């Protein structure tokens, strides 16, 4: 996968939040949470909502990874 949300999961642990807490605080759907769990791309709108809820920037919740197979 070319994107990793490992930073997001660490931030949630640091803030003692669950994924459901994130969903409720940001207003994202369970489908978006599922995509995050699978390291799939999500919309900029969803990223914005997450960043506002966590008071952070995009680079604090995701990394782009290099896929050498492509």
PDB file of N, CA and C in Angstrom:
ATOM      1  N   UNK A   1       0.837  -1.188   0.000  1.00  0.00           N
ATOM      2  CA  UNK A   1       0.000   0.000   0.000  1.00  0.00           C
ATOM      3  C   UNK A   1       0.880   1.249   0.000  1.00  0.00           C
ATOM      4  N   UNK A   2       0.514   2.223  -0.786  1.00  0.00           N
ATOM      5  CA  UNK A   2       1.337   3.443  -0.849  1.00  0.00           C
ATOM      6  C   UNK A   2       1.069   4.443   0.271  1.00  0.00           C
ATOM      7  N   UNK A   3       0.149   4.148   1.178  1.00  0.00           N
ATOM      8  CA  UNK A   3      -0.118   5.049   2.294  1.00  0.00           C
ATOM      9  C   UNK A   3      -0.190   4.231   3.588  1.00  0.00           C
ATOM     10  N   UNK A   4       0.301   4.837   4.673  1.00  0.00           N
ATOM     11  CA  UNK A   4       0.278   4.164   5.971  1.00  0.00           C
ATOM     12  C   UNK A   4      -0.281   5.135   7.012  1.00  0.00           C
ATOM     13  N   UNK A   5      -1.217   4.650   7.808  1.00  0.00           N
ATOM     14  CA  UNK A   5      -1.821   5.456   8.867  1.00  0.00           C
ATOM     15  C   UNK A   5      -1.300   5.062  10.245  1.00  0.00           C
ATOM     16  N   UNK A   6      -0.109   4.471  10.303  1.00  0.00           N
ATOM     17  CA  UNK A   6       0.468   4.055  11.575  1.00  0.00           C
ATOM     18  C   UNK A   6       0.612   5.227  12.544  1.00  0.00           C
ATOM     19  N   UNK A   7       0.953   6.400  12.008  1.00  0.00           N
ATOM     20  CA  UNK A   7       1.077   7.589  12.858  1.00  0.00           C
ATOM     21  C   UNK A   7      -0.261   7.947  13.504  1.00  0.00           C
ATOM     22  N   UNK A   8      -1.345   7.749  12.768  1.00  0.00           N
ATOM     23  CA  UNK A   8      -2.669   8.036  13.311  1.00  0.00           C
ATOM     24  C   UNK A   8      -2.965   7.125  14.496  1.00  0.00           C
ATOM     25  N   UNK A   9      -2.687   5.840  14.346  1.00  0.00           N
ATOM     26  CA  UNK A   9      -2.974   4.891  15.425  1.00  0.00           C
ATOM     27  C   UNK A   9      -2.124   5.205  16.654  1.00  0.00           C
ATOM     28  N   UNK A  10      -0.877   5.610  16.445  1.00  0.00           N
ATOM     29  CA  UNK A  10      -0.020   5.990  17.576  1.00  0.00           C
ATOM     30  C   UNK A  10      -0.574   7.238  18.257  1.00  0.00           C
ATOM     31  N   UNK A  11      -1.027   8.204  17.469  1.00  0.00           N
ATOM     32  CA  UNK A  11      -1.591   9.431  18.036  1.00  0.00           C
ATOM     33  C   UNK A  11      -2.830   9.118  18.868  1.00  0.00           C
ATOM     34  N   UNK A  12      -3.660   8.201  18.391  1.00  0.00           N
ATOM     35  CA  UNK A  12      -4.841   7.821  19.165  1.00  0.00           C
ATOM     36  C   UNK A  12      -4.439   7.184  20.493  1.00  0.00           C
ATOM     37  N   UNK A  13      -3.417   6.349  20.482  1.00  0.00           N
ATOM     38  CA  UNK A  13      -2.935   5.731  21.716  1.00  0.00           C
ATOM     39  C   UNK A  13      -2.424   6.803  22.667  1.00  0.00           C
ATOM     40  N   UNK A  14      -1.639   7.745  22.128  1.00  0.00           N
ATOM     41  CA  UNK A  14      -1.089   8.819  22.956  1.00  0.00           C
ATOM     42  C   UNK A  14      -2.199   9.669  23.586  1.00  0.00           C
ATOM     43  N   UNK A  15      -3.293   9.853  22.852  1.00  0.00           N
ATOM     44  CA  UNK A  15      -4.415  10.652  23.356  1.00  0.00           C
ATOM     45  C   UNK A  15      -5.432   9.806  24.119  1.00  0.00           C
ATOM     46  N   UNK A  16      -5.140   8.514  24.256  1.00  0.00           N
ATOM     47  CA  UNK A  16      -6.030   7.569  24.936  1.00  0.00           C
ATOM     48  C   UNK A  16      -7.430   7.590  24.321  1.00  0.00           C
ATOM     49  N   UNK A  17      -7.459   7.541  22.992  1.00  0.00           N
ATOM     50  CA  UNK A  17      -8.712   7.516  22.243  1.00  0.00           C
ATOM     51  C   UNK A  17      -8.854   6.186  21.526  1.00  0.00           C
ATOM     52  N   UNK A  18     -10.091   5.746  21.356  1.00  0.00           N
ATOM     53  CA  UNK A  18     -10.367   4.562  20.548  1.00  0.00           C
ATOM     54  C   UNK A  18     -10.735   5.010  19.142  1.00  0.00           C
ATOM     55  N   UNK A  19     -10.850   4.058  18.262  1.00  0.00           N
ATOM     56  CA  UNK A  19     -11.280   4.374  16.898  1.00  0.00           C
ATOM     57  C   UNK A  19     -12.698   4.929  16.897  1.00  0.00           C
ATOM     58  N   UNK A  20     -13.532   4.423  17.776  1.00  0.00           N
ATOM     59  CA  UNK A  20     -14.899   4.928  17.883  1.00  0.00           C
ATOM     60  C   UNK A  20     -14.896   6.365  18.394  1.00  0.00           C
ATOM     61  N   UNK A  21     -14.011   6.668  19.335  1.00  0.00           N
ATOM     62  CA  UNK A  21     -13.870   8.047  19.808  1.00  0.00           C
ATOM     63  C   UNK A  21     -13.498   8.968  18.646  1.00  0.00           C
ATOM     64  N   UNK A  22     -12.584   8.509  17.802  1.00  0.00           N
ATOM     65  CA  UNK A  22     -12.182   9.294  16.635  1.00  0.00           C
ATOM     66  C   UNK A  22     -13.359   9.499  15.697  1.00  0.00           C
ATOM     67  N   UNK A  23     -14.107   8.447  15.458  1.00  0.00           N
ATOM     68  CA  UNK A  23     -15.280   8.548  14.576  1.00  0.00           C
ATOM     69  C   UNK A  23     -16.262   9.588  15.103  1.00  0.00           C
ATOM     70  N   UNK A  24     -16.551   9.526  16.380  1.00  0.00           N
ATOM     71  CA  UNK A  24     -17.499  10.456  16.982  1.00  0.00           C
ATOM     72  C   UNK A  24     -16.978  11.895  16.991  1.00  0.00           C
ATOM     73  N   UNK A  25     -15.701  12.069  17.301  1.00  0.00           N
ATOM     74  CA  UNK A  25     -15.119  13.409  17.391  1.00  0.00           C
ATOM     75  C   UNK A  25     -14.985  14.082  16.035  1.00  0.00           C
ATOM     76  N   UNK A  26     -14.713  13.283  14.999  1.00  0.00           N
ATOM     77  CA  UNK A  26     -14.459  13.861  13.678  1.00  0.00           C
ATOM     78  C   UNK A  26     -15.673  13.840  12.752  1.00  0.00           C
ATOM     79  N   UNK A  27     -16.630  12.979  13.039  1.00  0.00           N
ATOM     80  CA  UNK A  27     -17.801  12.883  12.172  1.00  0.00           C
ATOM     81  C   UNK A  27     -17.586  12.028  10.938  1.00  0.00           C
ATOM     82  N   UNK A  28     -16.535  11.200  10.953  1.00  0.00           N
ATOM     83  CA  UNK A  28     -16.320  10.296   9.825  1.00  0.00           C
ATOM     84  C   UNK A  28     -17.165   9.039  10.028  1.00  0.00           C
ATOM     85  N   UNK A  29     -17.314   8.258   8.978  1.00  0.00           N
ATOM     86  CA  UNK A  29     -18.152   7.065   9.033  1.00  0.00           C
ATOM     87  C   UNK A  29     -17.327   5.823   9.383  1.00  0.00           C
ATOM     88  N   UNK A  30     -18.042   4.745   9.694  1.00  0.00           N
ATOM     89  CA  UNK A  30     -17.373   3.461   9.932  1.00  0.00           C
ATOM     90  C   UNK A  30     -16.655   3.000   8.663  1.00  0.00           C
ATOM     91  N   UNK A  31     -17.196   3.335   7.489  1.00  0.00           N
ATOM     92  CA  UNK A  31     -16.536   2.958   6.229  1.00  0.00           C
ATOM     93  C   UNK A  31     -15.165   3.605   6.113  1.00  0.00           C
ATOM     94  N   UNK A  32     -15.061   4.854   6.532  1.00  0.00           N
ATOM     95  CA  UNK A  32     -13.768   5.540   6.497  1.00  0.00           C
ATOM     96  C   UNK A  32     -12.809   4.875   7.484  1.00  0.00           C
ATOM     97  N   UNK A  33     -13.300   4.533   8.659  1.00  0.00           N
ATOM     98  CA  UNK A  33     -12.459   3.815   9.627  1.00  0.00           C
ATOM     99  C   UNK A  33     -11.951   2.497   9.055  1.00  0.00           C
ATOM    100  N   UNK A  34     -12.816   1.806   8.337  1.00  0.00           N
ATOM    101  CA  UNK A  34     -12.417   0.530   7.714  1.00  0.00           C
ATOM    102  C   UNK A  34     -11.319   0.766   6.687  1.00  0.00           C
ATOM    103  N   UNK A  35     -11.459   1.810   5.877  1.00  0.00           N
ATOM    104  CA  UNK A  35     -10.428   2.134   4.881  1.00  0.00           C
ATOM    105  C   UNK A  35      -9.112   2.487   5.557  1.00  0.00           C
ATOM    106  N   UNK A  36      -9.187   3.247   6.647  1.00  0.00           N
ATOM    107  CA  UNK A  36      -7.974   3.587   7.394  1.00  0.00           C
ATOM    108  C   UNK A  36      -7.291   2.324   7.902  1.00  0.00           C
ATOM    109  N   UNK A  37      -8.080   1.389   8.404  1.00  0.00           N
ATOM    110  CA  UNK A  37      -7.529   0.140   8.917  1.00  0.00           C
ATOM    111  C   UNK A  37      -6.859  -0.708   7.856  1.00  0.00           C
ATOM    112  N   UNK A  38      -7.273  -0.529   6.601  1.00  0.00           N
ATOM    113  CA  UNK A  38      -6.694  -1.283   5.484  1.00  0.00           C
ATOM    114  C   UNK A  38      -5.627  -0.481   4.741  1.00  0.00           C
ATOM    115  N   UNK A  39      -5.261   0.707   5.281  1.00  0.00           N
ATOM    116  CA  UNK A  39      -4.292   1.599   4.628  1.00  0.00           C
ATOM    117  C   UNK A  39      -4.710   1.955   3.209  1.00  0.00           C
ATOM    118  N   UNK A  40      -5.995   2.231   3.033  1.00  0.00           N
ATOM    119  CA  UNK A  40      -6.507   2.666   1.731  1.00  0.00           C
ATOM    120  C   UNK A  40      -6.635   4.182   1.726  1.00  0.00           C
ATOM    121  N   UNK A  41      -6.681   4.757   0.532  1.00  0.00           N
ATOM    122  CA  UNK A  41      -6.832   6.192   0.403  1.00  0.00           C
ATOM    123  C   UNK A  41      -8.218   6.631   0.857  1.00  0.00           C
ATOM    124  N   UNK A  42      -8.276   7.790   1.503  1.00  0.00           N
ATOM    125  CA  UNK A  42      -9.550   8.397   1.883  1.00  0.00           C
ATOM    126  C   UNK A  42      -9.567   9.825   1.343  1.00  0.00           C
ATOM    127  N   UNK A  43     -10.716  10.458   1.378  1.00  0.00           N
ATOM    128  CA  UNK A  43     -10.850  11.797   0.806  1.00  0.00           C
ATOM    129  C   UNK A  43     -10.122  12.844   1.636  1.00  0.00           C
ATOM    130  N   UNK A  44      -9.813  13.953   0.987  1.00  0.00           N
ATOM    131  CA  UNK A  44      -9.204  15.080   1.692  1.00  0.00           C
ATOM    132  C   UNK A  44     -10.156  15.618   2.747  1.00  0.00           C
ATOM    133  N   UNK A  45     -11.436  15.569   2.478  1.00  0.00           N
ATOM    134  CA  UNK A  45     -12.428  16.036   3.445  1.00  0.00           C
ATOM    135  C   UNK A  45     -12.347  15.217   4.738  1.00  0.00           C
ATOM    136  N   UNK A  46     -12.223  13.914   4.591  1.00  0.00           N
ATOM    137  CA  UNK A  46     -12.114  13.045   5.769  1.00  0.00           C
ATOM    138  C   UNK A  46     -10.809  13.300   6.518  1.00  0.00           C
ATOM    139  N   UNK A  47      -9.726  13.482   5.781  1.00  0.00           N
ATOM    140  CA  UNK A  47      -8.447  13.799   6.417  1.00  0.00           C
ATOM    141  C   UNK A  47      -8.544  15.109   7.187  1.00  0.00           C
ATOM    142  N   UNK A  48      -9.203  16.095   6.590  1.00  0.00           N
ATOM    143  CA  UNK A  48      -9.390  17.388   7.246  1.00  0.00           C
ATOM    144  C   UNK A  48     -10.167  17.219   8.555  1.00  0.00           C
ATOM    145  N   UNK A  49     -11.249  16.462   8.516  1.00  0.00           N
ATOM    146  CA  UNK A  49     -12.063  16.246   9.715  1.00  0.00           C
ATOM    147  C   UNK A  49     -11.249  15.583  10.823  1.00  0.00           C
ATOM    148  N   UNK A  50     -10.439  14.617  10.452  1.00  0.00           N
ATOM    149  CA  UNK A  50      -9.603  13.926  11.434  1.00  0.00           C
ATOM    150  C   UNK A  50      -8.579  14.892  12.027  1.00  0.00           C
ATOM    151  N   UNK A  51      -7.957  15.678  11.176  1.00  0.00           N
ATOM    152  CA  UNK A  51      -6.946  16.631  11.646  1.00  0.00           C
ATOM    153  C   UNK A  51      -7.548  17.681  12.575  1.00  0.00           C
ATOM    154  N   UNK A  52      -8.742  18.153  12.263  1.00  0.00           N
ATOM    155  CA  UNK A  52      -9.408  19.126  13.129  1.00  0.00           C
ATOM    156  C   UNK A  52      -9.728  18.486  14.472  1.00  0.00           C
ATOM    157  N   UNK A  53     -10.245  17.271  14.446  1.00  0.00           N
ATOM    158  CA  UNK A  53     -10.612  16.581  15.684  1.00  0.00           C
ATOM    159  C   UNK A  53      -9.395  16.320  16.569  1.00  0.00           C
ATOM    160  N   UNK A  54      -8.253  16.027  15.961  1.00  0.00           N
ATOM    161  CA  UNK A  54      -7.041  15.707  16.721  1.00  0.00           C
ATOM    162  C   UNK A  54      -6.114  16.911  16.886  1.00  0.00           C
ATOM    163  N   UNK A  55      -6.499  18.041  16.294  1.00  0.00           N
ATOM    164  CA  UNK A  55      -5.687  19.261  16.355  1.00  0.00           C
ATOM    165  C   UNK A  55      -4.265  18.990  15.872  1.00  0.00           C
ATOM    166  N   UNK A  56      -4.178  18.476  14.639  1.00  0.00           N
ATOM    167  CA  UNK A  56      -2.874  18.128  14.086  1.00  0.00           C
ATOM    168  C   UNK A  56      -2.869  18.411  12.587  1.00  0.00           C
ATOM    169  N   UNK A  57      -1.739  18.186  11.956  1.00  0.00           N
ATOM    170  CA  UNK A  57      -1.640  18.335  10.509  1.00  0.00           C
ATOM    171  C   UNK A  57      -1.592  16.949   9.855  1.00  0.00           C
ATOM    172  N   UNK A  58      -1.756  16.930   8.548  1.00  0.00           N
ATOM    173  CA  UNK A  58      -1.826  15.668   7.805  1.00  0.00           C
ATOM    174  C   UNK A  58      -0.552  14.840   7.979  1.00  0.00           C
ATOM    175  N   UNK A  59       0.592  15.498   7.977  1.00  0.00           N
ATOM    176  CA  UNK A  59       1.844  14.744   8.096  1.00  0.00           C
ATOM    177  C   UNK A  59       2.017  14.085   9.452  1.00  0.00           C
ATOM    178  N   UNK A  60       1.163  14.434  10.415  1.00  0.00           N
ATOM    179  CA  UNK A  60       1.223  13.804  11.729  1.00  0.00           C
ATOM    180  C   UNK A  60       0.376  12.540  11.811  1.00  0.00           C
ATOM    181  N   UNK A  61      -0.413  12.255  10.759  1.00  0.00           N
ATOM    182  CA  UNK A  61      -1.280  11.074  10.818  1.00  0.00           C
ATOM    183  C   UNK A  61      -1.069  10.088   9.683  1.00  0.00           C
ATOM    184  N   UNK A  62      -0.311  10.466   8.659  1.00  0.00           N
ATOM    185  CA  UNK A  62      -0.088   9.509   7.574  1.00  0.00           C
ATOM    186  C   UNK A  62       1.289   9.650   6.977  1.00  0.00           C
ATOM    187  N   UNK A  63       1.727   8.581   6.333  1.00  0.00           N
ATOM    188  CA  UNK A  63       2.980   8.542   5.571  1.00  0.00           C
ATOM    189  C   UNK A  63       2.684   7.919   4.224  1.00  0.00           C
ATOM    190  N   UNK A  64       3.346   8.429   3.217  1.00  0.00           N
ATOM    191  CA  UNK A  64       3.304   7.778   1.913  1.00  0.00           C
ATOM    192  C   UNK A  64       4.482   6.840   1.843  1.00  0.00           C
ATOM    193  N   UNK A  65       4.245   5.627   1.396  1.00  0.00           N
ATOM    194  CA  UNK A  65       5.296   4.632   1.296  1.00  0.00           C
ATOM    195  C   UNK A  65       5.624   4.399  -0.165  1.00  0.00           C
ATOM    196  N   UNK A  66       6.842   3.985  -0.399  1.00  0.00           N
ATOM    197  CA  UNK A  66       7.299   3.725  -1.764  1.00  0.00           C
ATOM    198  C   UNK A  66       7.077   2.260  -2.079  1.00  0.00           C
ATOM    199  N   UNK A  67       6.387   2.013  -3.193  1.00  0.00           N
ATOM    200  CA  UNK A  67       6.135   0.654  -3.635  1.00  0.00           C
ATOM    201  C   UNK A  67       7.105   0.340  -4.762  1.00  0.00           C
ATOM    202  N   UNK A  68       8.139  -0.448  -4.461  1.00  0.00           N
ATOM    203  CA  UNK A  68       9.175  -0.757  -5.443  1.00  0.00           C
ATOM    204  C   UNK A  68       8.694  -1.683  -6.550  1.00  0.00           C
ATOM    205  N   UNK A  69       7.542  -2.320  -6.366  1.00  0.00           N
ATOM    206  CA  UNK A  69       7.040  -3.260  -7.365  1.00  0.00           C
ATOM    207  C   UNK A  69       6.392  -2.572  -8.554  1.00  0.00           C
ATOM    208  N   UNK A  70       6.154  -1.266  -8.447  1.00  0.00           N
ATOM    209  CA  UNK A  70       5.476  -0.571  -9.548  1.00  0.00           C
ATOM    210  C   UNK A  70       6.411   0.364 -10.259  1.00  0.00           C
TER     211      UNK A  70
END
